[in-house]
């Protein structure tokens, strides 16, 4: 089954190289952006976890 996928991808690449390049480039950029978003969200949610009582920690901000 995997062999058929590879042959199909190879034929597509040989018949329309620019179209295949655009598809592969778009897929790779989309995956990179998705992984970057996941890493940013994970970093934001795990910001205070190194503190001992992080569940009871609050942020107070005053504006003048």
PDB file of N, CA and C in Angstrom:
ATOM      1  N   UNK A   1       0.820  -1.187   0.000  1.00  0.00           N
ATOM      2  CA  UNK A   1       0.000   0.000   0.000  1.00  0.00           C
ATOM      3  C   UNK A   1       0.872   1.263   0.000  1.00  0.00           C
ATOM      4  N   UNK A   2       1.905   1.226   0.822  1.00  0.00           N
ATOM      5  CA  UNK A   2       2.805   2.380   0.885  1.00  0.00           C
ATOM      6  C   UNK A   2       3.536   2.577  -0.444  1.00  0.00           C
ATOM      7  N   UNK A   3       3.824   1.469  -1.111  1.00  0.00           N
ATOM      8  CA  UNK A   3       4.492   1.550  -2.418  1.00  0.00           C
ATOM      9  C   UNK A   3       3.622   2.289  -3.429  1.00  0.00           C
ATOM     10  N   UNK A   4       2.320   2.076  -3.385  1.00  0.00           N
ATOM     11  CA  UNK A   4       1.414   2.765  -4.298  1.00  0.00           C
ATOM     12  C   UNK A   4       1.376   4.264  -4.023  1.00  0.00           C
ATOM     13  N   UNK A   5       1.438   4.635  -2.760  1.00  0.00           N
ATOM     14  CA  UNK A   5       1.485   6.062  -2.412  1.00  0.00           C
ATOM     15  C   UNK A   5       2.751   6.716  -2.965  1.00  0.00           C
ATOM     16  N   UNK A   6       3.880   6.019  -2.808  1.00  0.00           N
ATOM     17  CA  UNK A   6       5.140   6.568  -3.304  1.00  0.00           C
ATOM     18  C   UNK A   6       5.128   6.701  -4.819  1.00  0.00           C
ATOM     19  N   UNK A   7       4.598   5.686  -5.515  1.00  0.00           N
ATOM     20  CA  UNK A   7       4.564   5.766  -6.982  1.00  0.00           C
ATOM     21  C   UNK A   7       3.625   6.864  -7.445  1.00  0.00           C
ATOM     22  N   UNK A   8       2.513   7.030  -6.760  1.00  0.00           N
ATOM     23  CA  UNK A   8       1.588   8.109  -7.107  1.00  0.00           C
ATOM     24  C   UNK A   8       2.227   9.475  -6.873  1.00  0.00           C
ATOM     25  N   UNK A   9       2.929   9.624  -5.766  1.00  0.00           N
ATOM     26  CA  UNK A   9       3.600  10.886  -5.479  1.00  0.00           C
ATOM     27  C   UNK A   9       4.707  11.152  -6.499  1.00  0.00           C
ATOM     28  N   UNK A  10       5.433  10.121  -6.877  1.00  0.00           N
ATOM     29  CA  UNK A  10       6.510  10.286  -7.857  1.00  0.00           C
ATOM     30  C   UNK A  10       5.953  10.693  -9.221  1.00  0.00           C
ATOM     31  N   UNK A  11       4.860  10.075  -9.649  1.00  0.00           N
ATOM     32  CA  UNK A  11       4.249  10.425 -10.936  1.00  0.00           C
ATOM     33  C   UNK A  11       3.732  11.855 -10.925  1.00  0.00           C
ATOM     34  N   UNK A  12       3.134  12.249  -9.823  1.00  0.00           N
ATOM     35  CA  UNK A  12       2.646  13.622  -9.712  1.00  0.00           C
ATOM     36  C   UNK A  12       3.802  14.608  -9.767  1.00  0.00           C
ATOM     37  N   UNK A  13       4.896  14.272  -9.110  1.00  0.00           N
ATOM     38  CA  UNK A  13       6.070  15.135  -9.108  1.00  0.00           C
ATOM     39  C   UNK A  13       6.679  15.246 -10.503  1.00  0.00           C
ATOM     40  N   UNK A  14       6.685  14.159 -11.247  1.00  0.00           N
ATOM     41  CA  UNK A  14       7.270  14.174 -12.585  1.00  0.00           C
ATOM     42  C   UNK A  14       6.360  14.875 -13.604  1.00  0.00           C
ATOM     43  N   UNK A  15       5.048  14.744 -13.460  1.00  0.00           N
ATOM     44  CA  UNK A  15       4.125  15.350 -14.423  1.00  0.00           C
ATOM     45  C   UNK A  15       3.972  16.849 -14.213  1.00  0.00           C
ATOM     46  N   UNK A  16       3.890  17.277 -12.982  1.00  0.00           N
ATOM     47  CA  UNK A  16       3.734  18.704 -12.694  1.00  0.00           C
ATOM     48  C   UNK A  16       4.639  19.108 -11.558  1.00  0.00           C
ATOM     49  N   UNK A  17       5.906  19.374 -11.822  1.00  0.00           N
ATOM     50  CA  UNK A  17       6.843  19.629 -10.716  1.00  0.00           C
ATOM     51  C   UNK A  17       6.523  20.906  -9.941  1.00  0.00           C
ATOM     52  N   UNK A  18       6.079  21.959 -10.632  1.00  0.00           N
ATOM     53  CA  UNK A  18       5.776  23.199  -9.910  1.00  0.00           C
ATOM     54  C   UNK A  18       4.547  23.025  -9.023  1.00  0.00           C
ATOM     55  N   UNK A  19       3.529  22.354  -9.524  1.00  0.00           N
ATOM     56  CA  UNK A  19       2.312  22.105  -8.751  1.00  0.00           C
ATOM     57  C   UNK A  19       2.628  21.254  -7.521  1.00  0.00           C
ATOM     58  N   UNK A  20       3.449  20.234  -7.704  1.00  0.00           N
ATOM     59  CA  UNK A  20       3.831  19.378  -6.579  1.00  0.00           C
ATOM     60  C   UNK A  20       4.671  20.153  -5.570  1.00  0.00           C
ATOM     61  N   UNK A  21       5.554  21.023  -6.071  1.00  0.00           N
ATOM     62  CA  UNK A  21       6.385  21.822  -5.172  1.00  0.00           C
ATOM     63  C   UNK A  21       5.534  22.782  -4.343  1.00  0.00           C
ATOM     64  N   UNK A  22       4.533  23.378  -4.963  1.00  0.00           N
ATOM     65  CA  UNK A  22       3.640  24.283  -4.237  1.00  0.00           C
ATOM     66  C   UNK A  22       2.853  23.511  -3.178  1.00  0.00           C
ATOM     67  N   UNK A  23       2.374  22.327  -3.511  1.00  0.00           N
ATOM     68  CA  UNK A  23       1.629  21.521  -2.543  1.00  0.00           C
ATOM     69  C   UNK A  23       2.507  21.087  -1.372  1.00  0.00           C
ATOM     70  N   UNK A  24       3.699  20.619  -1.655  1.00  0.00           N
ATOM     71  CA  UNK A  24       4.598  20.170  -0.590  1.00  0.00           C
ATOM     72  C   UNK A  24       5.045  21.353   0.267  1.00  0.00           C
ATOM     73  N   UNK A  25       5.338  22.479  -0.370  1.00  0.00           N
ATOM     74  CA  UNK A  25       5.728  23.672   0.380  1.00  0.00           C
ATOM     75  C   UNK A  25       4.613  24.181   1.275  1.00  0.00           C
ATOM     76  N   UNK A  26       3.388  24.201   0.748  1.00  0.00           N
ATOM     77  CA  UNK A  26       2.250  24.638   1.554  1.00  0.00           C
ATOM     78  C   UNK A  26       1.987  23.720   2.733  1.00  0.00           C
ATOM     79  N   UNK A  27       2.122  22.430   2.503  1.00  0.00           N
ATOM     80  CA  UNK A  27       1.928  21.473   3.592  1.00  0.00           C
ATOM     81  C   UNK A  27       2.989  21.636   4.666  1.00  0.00           C
ATOM     82  N   UNK A  28       4.238  21.815   4.256  1.00  0.00           N
ATOM     83  CA  UNK A  28       5.301  21.957   5.252  1.00  0.00           C
ATOM     84  C   UNK A  28       5.174  23.266   6.031  1.00  0.00           C
ATOM     85  N   UNK A  29       4.801  24.353   5.366  1.00  0.00           N
ATOM     86  CA  UNK A  29       4.605  25.621   6.070  1.00  0.00           C
ATOM     87  C   UNK A  29       3.428  25.514   7.038  1.00  0.00           C
ATOM     88  N   UNK A  30       2.352  24.877   6.610  1.00  0.00           N
ATOM     89  CA  UNK A  30       1.192  24.701   7.487  1.00  0.00           C
ATOM     90  C   UNK A  30       1.521  23.878   8.723  1.00  0.00           C
ATOM     91  N   UNK A  31       2.285  22.804   8.550  1.00  0.00           N
ATOM     92  CA  UNK A  31       2.674  21.985   9.698  1.00  0.00           C
ATOM     93  C   UNK A  31       3.593  22.751  10.649  1.00  0.00           C
ATOM     94  N   UNK A  32       4.509  23.529  10.099  1.00  0.00           N
ATOM     95  CA  UNK A  32       5.402  24.331  10.955  1.00  0.00           C
ATOM     96  C   UNK A  32       4.629  25.367  11.751  1.00  0.00           C
ATOM     97  N   UNK A  33       3.660  26.026  11.131  1.00  0.00           N
ATOM     98  CA  UNK A  33       2.860  27.031  11.835  1.00  0.00           C
ATOM     99  C   UNK A  33       2.021  26.370  12.926  1.00  0.00           C
ATOM    100  N   UNK A  34       1.444  25.213  12.619  1.00  0.00           N
ATOM    101  CA  UNK A  34       0.640  24.511  13.621  1.00  0.00           C
ATOM    102  C   UNK A  34       1.492  24.086  14.816  1.00  0.00           C
ATOM    103  N   UNK A  35       2.681  23.561  14.563  1.00  0.00           N
ATOM    104  CA  UNK A  35       3.563  23.163  15.663  1.00  0.00           C
ATOM    105  C   UNK A  35       4.029  24.369  16.475  1.00  0.00           C
ATOM    106  N   UNK A  36       4.284  25.481  15.813  1.00  0.00           N
ATOM    107  CA  UNK A  36       4.673  26.691  16.520  1.00  0.00           C
ATOM    108  C   UNK A  36       3.546  27.182  17.418  1.00  0.00           C
ATOM    109  N   UNK A  37       2.303  27.136  16.930  1.00  0.00           N
ATOM    110  CA  UNK A  37       1.158  27.534  17.762  1.00  0.00           C
ATOM    111  C   UNK A  37       1.012  26.632  18.970  1.00  0.00           C
ATOM    112  N   UNK A  38       1.192  25.335  18.782  1.00  0.00           N
ATOM    113  CA  UNK A  38       1.103  24.397  19.905  1.00  0.00           C
ATOM    114  C   UNK A  38       2.187  24.691  20.932  1.00  0.00           C
ATOM    115  N   UNK A  39       3.402  24.971  20.485  1.00  0.00           N
ATOM    116  CA  UNK A  39       4.484  25.272  21.418  1.00  0.00           C
ATOM    117  C   UNK A  39       4.247  26.572  22.173  1.00  0.00           C
ATOM    118  N   UNK A  40       3.701  27.576  21.514  1.00  0.00           N
ATOM    119  CA  UNK A  40       3.415  28.843  22.188  1.00  0.00           C
ATOM    120  C   UNK A  40       2.322  28.665  23.227  1.00  0.00           C
ATOM    121  N   UNK A  41       1.258  27.965  22.889  1.00  0.00           N
ATOM    122  CA  UNK A  41       0.165  27.746  23.847  1.00  0.00           C
ATOM    123  C   UNK A  41       0.645  26.900  25.022  1.00  0.00           C
ATOM    124  N   UNK A  42       1.440  25.876  24.736  1.00  0.00           N
ATOM    125  CA  UNK A  42       1.966  25.032  25.809  1.00  0.00           C
ATOM    126  C   UNK A  42       2.869  25.837  26.740  1.00  0.00           C
ATOM    127  N   UNK A  43       3.650  26.727  26.182  1.00  0.00           N
ATOM    128  CA  UNK A  43       4.526  27.572  26.992  1.00  0.00           C
ATOM    129  C   UNK A  43       3.718  28.529  27.862  1.00  0.00           C
ATOM    130  N   UNK A  44       2.637  29.091  27.321  1.00  0.00           N
ATOM    131  CA  UNK A  44       1.809  30.013  28.095  1.00  0.00           C
ATOM    132  C   UNK A  44       1.083  29.313  29.235  1.00  0.00           C
ATOM    133  N   UNK A  45       0.619  28.107  29.013  1.00  0.00           N
ATOM    134  CA  UNK A  45      -0.092  27.395  30.079  1.00  0.00           C
ATOM    135  C   UNK A  45       0.849  26.846  31.145  1.00  0.00           C
ATOM    136  N   UNK A  46       2.089  26.625  30.823  1.00  0.00           N
ATOM    137  CA  UNK A  46       3.029  26.088  31.798  1.00  0.00           C
ATOM    138  C   UNK A  46       3.944  27.141  32.378  1.00  0.00           C
ATOM    139  N   UNK A  47       3.506  28.375  32.437  1.00  0.00           N
ATOM    140  CA  UNK A  47       4.379  29.477  32.826  1.00  0.00           C
ATOM    141  C   UNK A  47       4.748  29.442  34.306  1.00  0.00           C
ATOM    142  N   UNK A  48       3.788  29.219  35.192  1.00  0.00           N
ATOM    143  CA  UNK A  48       4.037  29.314  36.632  1.00  0.00           C
ATOM    144  C   UNK A  48       4.247  27.956  37.302  1.00  0.00           C
ATOM    145  N   UNK A  49       4.380  26.894  36.589  1.00  0.00           N
ATOM    146  CA  UNK A  49       4.388  25.568  37.196  1.00  0.00           C
ATOM    147  C   UNK A  49       5.663  25.245  37.965  1.00  0.00           C
ATOM    148  N   UNK A  50       6.680  26.078  37.872  1.00  0.00           N
ATOM    149  CA  UNK A  50       7.889  25.819  38.652  1.00  0.00           C
ATOM    150  C   UNK A  50       7.719  26.291  40.097  1.00  0.00           C
ATOM    151  N   UNK A  51       6.684  27.081  40.389  1.00  0.00           N
ATOM    152  CA  UNK A  51       6.418  27.527  41.757  1.00  0.00           C
ATOM    153  C   UNK A  51       5.732  26.422  42.545  1.00  0.00           C
ATOM    154  N   UNK A  52       5.938  26.406  43.850  1.00  0.00           N
ATOM    155  CA  UNK A  52       5.371  25.350  44.679  1.00  0.00           C
ATOM    156  C   UNK A  52       3.853  25.432  44.745  1.00  0.00           C
ATOM    157  N   UNK A  53       3.274  26.587  44.980  1.00  0.00           N
ATOM    158  CA  UNK A  53       1.821  26.728  45.064  1.00  0.00           C
ATOM    159  C   UNK A  53       1.278  27.476  43.852  1.00  0.00           C
ATOM    160  N   UNK A  54       1.592  27.002  42.662  1.00  0.00           N
ATOM    161  CA  UNK A  54       1.240  27.745  41.455  1.00  0.00           C
ATOM    162  C   UNK A  54      -0.261  27.854  41.240  1.00  0.00           C
ATOM    163  N   UNK A  55      -1.041  26.936  41.798  1.00  0.00           N
ATOM    164  CA  UNK A  55      -2.496  27.006  41.622  1.00  0.00           C
ATOM    165  C   UNK A  55      -3.093  28.173  42.400  1.00  0.00           C
ATOM    166  N   UNK A  56      -2.409  28.621  43.458  1.00  0.00           N
ATOM    167  CA  UNK A  56      -2.901  29.714  44.287  1.00  0.00           C
ATOM    168  C   UNK A  56      -2.203  31.045  43.990  1.00  0.00           C
ATOM    169  N   UNK A  57      -1.453  31.131  42.925  1.00  0.00           N
ATOM    170  CA  UNK A  57      -0.727  32.339  42.575  1.00  0.00           C
ATOM    171  C   UNK A  57      -1.575  33.192  41.655  1.00  0.00           C
ATOM    172  N   UNK A  58      -1.686  34.481  41.976  1.00  0.00           N
ATOM    173  CA  UNK A  58      -2.484  35.404  41.183  1.00  0.00           C
ATOM    174  C   UNK A  58      -1.619  36.590  40.775  1.00  0.00           C
ATOM    175  N   UNK A  59      -2.032  37.270  39.729  1.00  0.00           N
ATOM    176  CA  UNK A  59      -1.329  38.439  39.251  1.00  0.00           C
ATOM    177  C   UNK A  59      -2.193  39.659  39.478  1.00  0.00           C
ATOM    178  N   UNK A  60      -1.646  40.636  40.172  1.00  0.00           N
ATOM    179  CA  UNK A  60      -2.368  41.883  40.437  1.00  0.00           C
ATOM    180  C   UNK A  60      -1.665  43.007  39.676  1.00  0.00           C
ATOM    181  N   UNK A  61      -2.420  43.745  38.912  1.00  0.00           N
ATOM    182  CA  UNK A  61      -1.868  44.834  38.127  1.00  0.00           C
ATOM    183  C   UNK A  61      -2.649  46.086  38.438  1.00  0.00           C
ATOM    184  N   UNK A  62      -1.929  47.177  38.701  1.00  0.00           N
ATOM    185  CA  UNK A  62      -2.593  48.456  38.927  1.00  0.00           C
ATOM    186  C   UNK A  62      -2.264  49.381  37.785  1.00  0.00           C
ATOM    187  N   UNK A  63      -3.258  50.128  37.375  1.00  0.00           N
ATOM    188  CA  UNK A  63      -3.070  51.112  36.313  1.00  0.00           C
ATOM    189  C   UNK A  63      -3.283  52.495  36.879  1.00  0.00           C
ATOM    190  N   UNK A  64      -2.459  53.412  36.494  1.00  0.00           N
ATOM    191  CA  UNK A  64      -2.588  54.784  36.976  1.00  0.00           C
ATOM    192  C   UNK A  64      -3.303  55.640  35.978  1.00  0.00           C
TER     193      UNK A  64
END
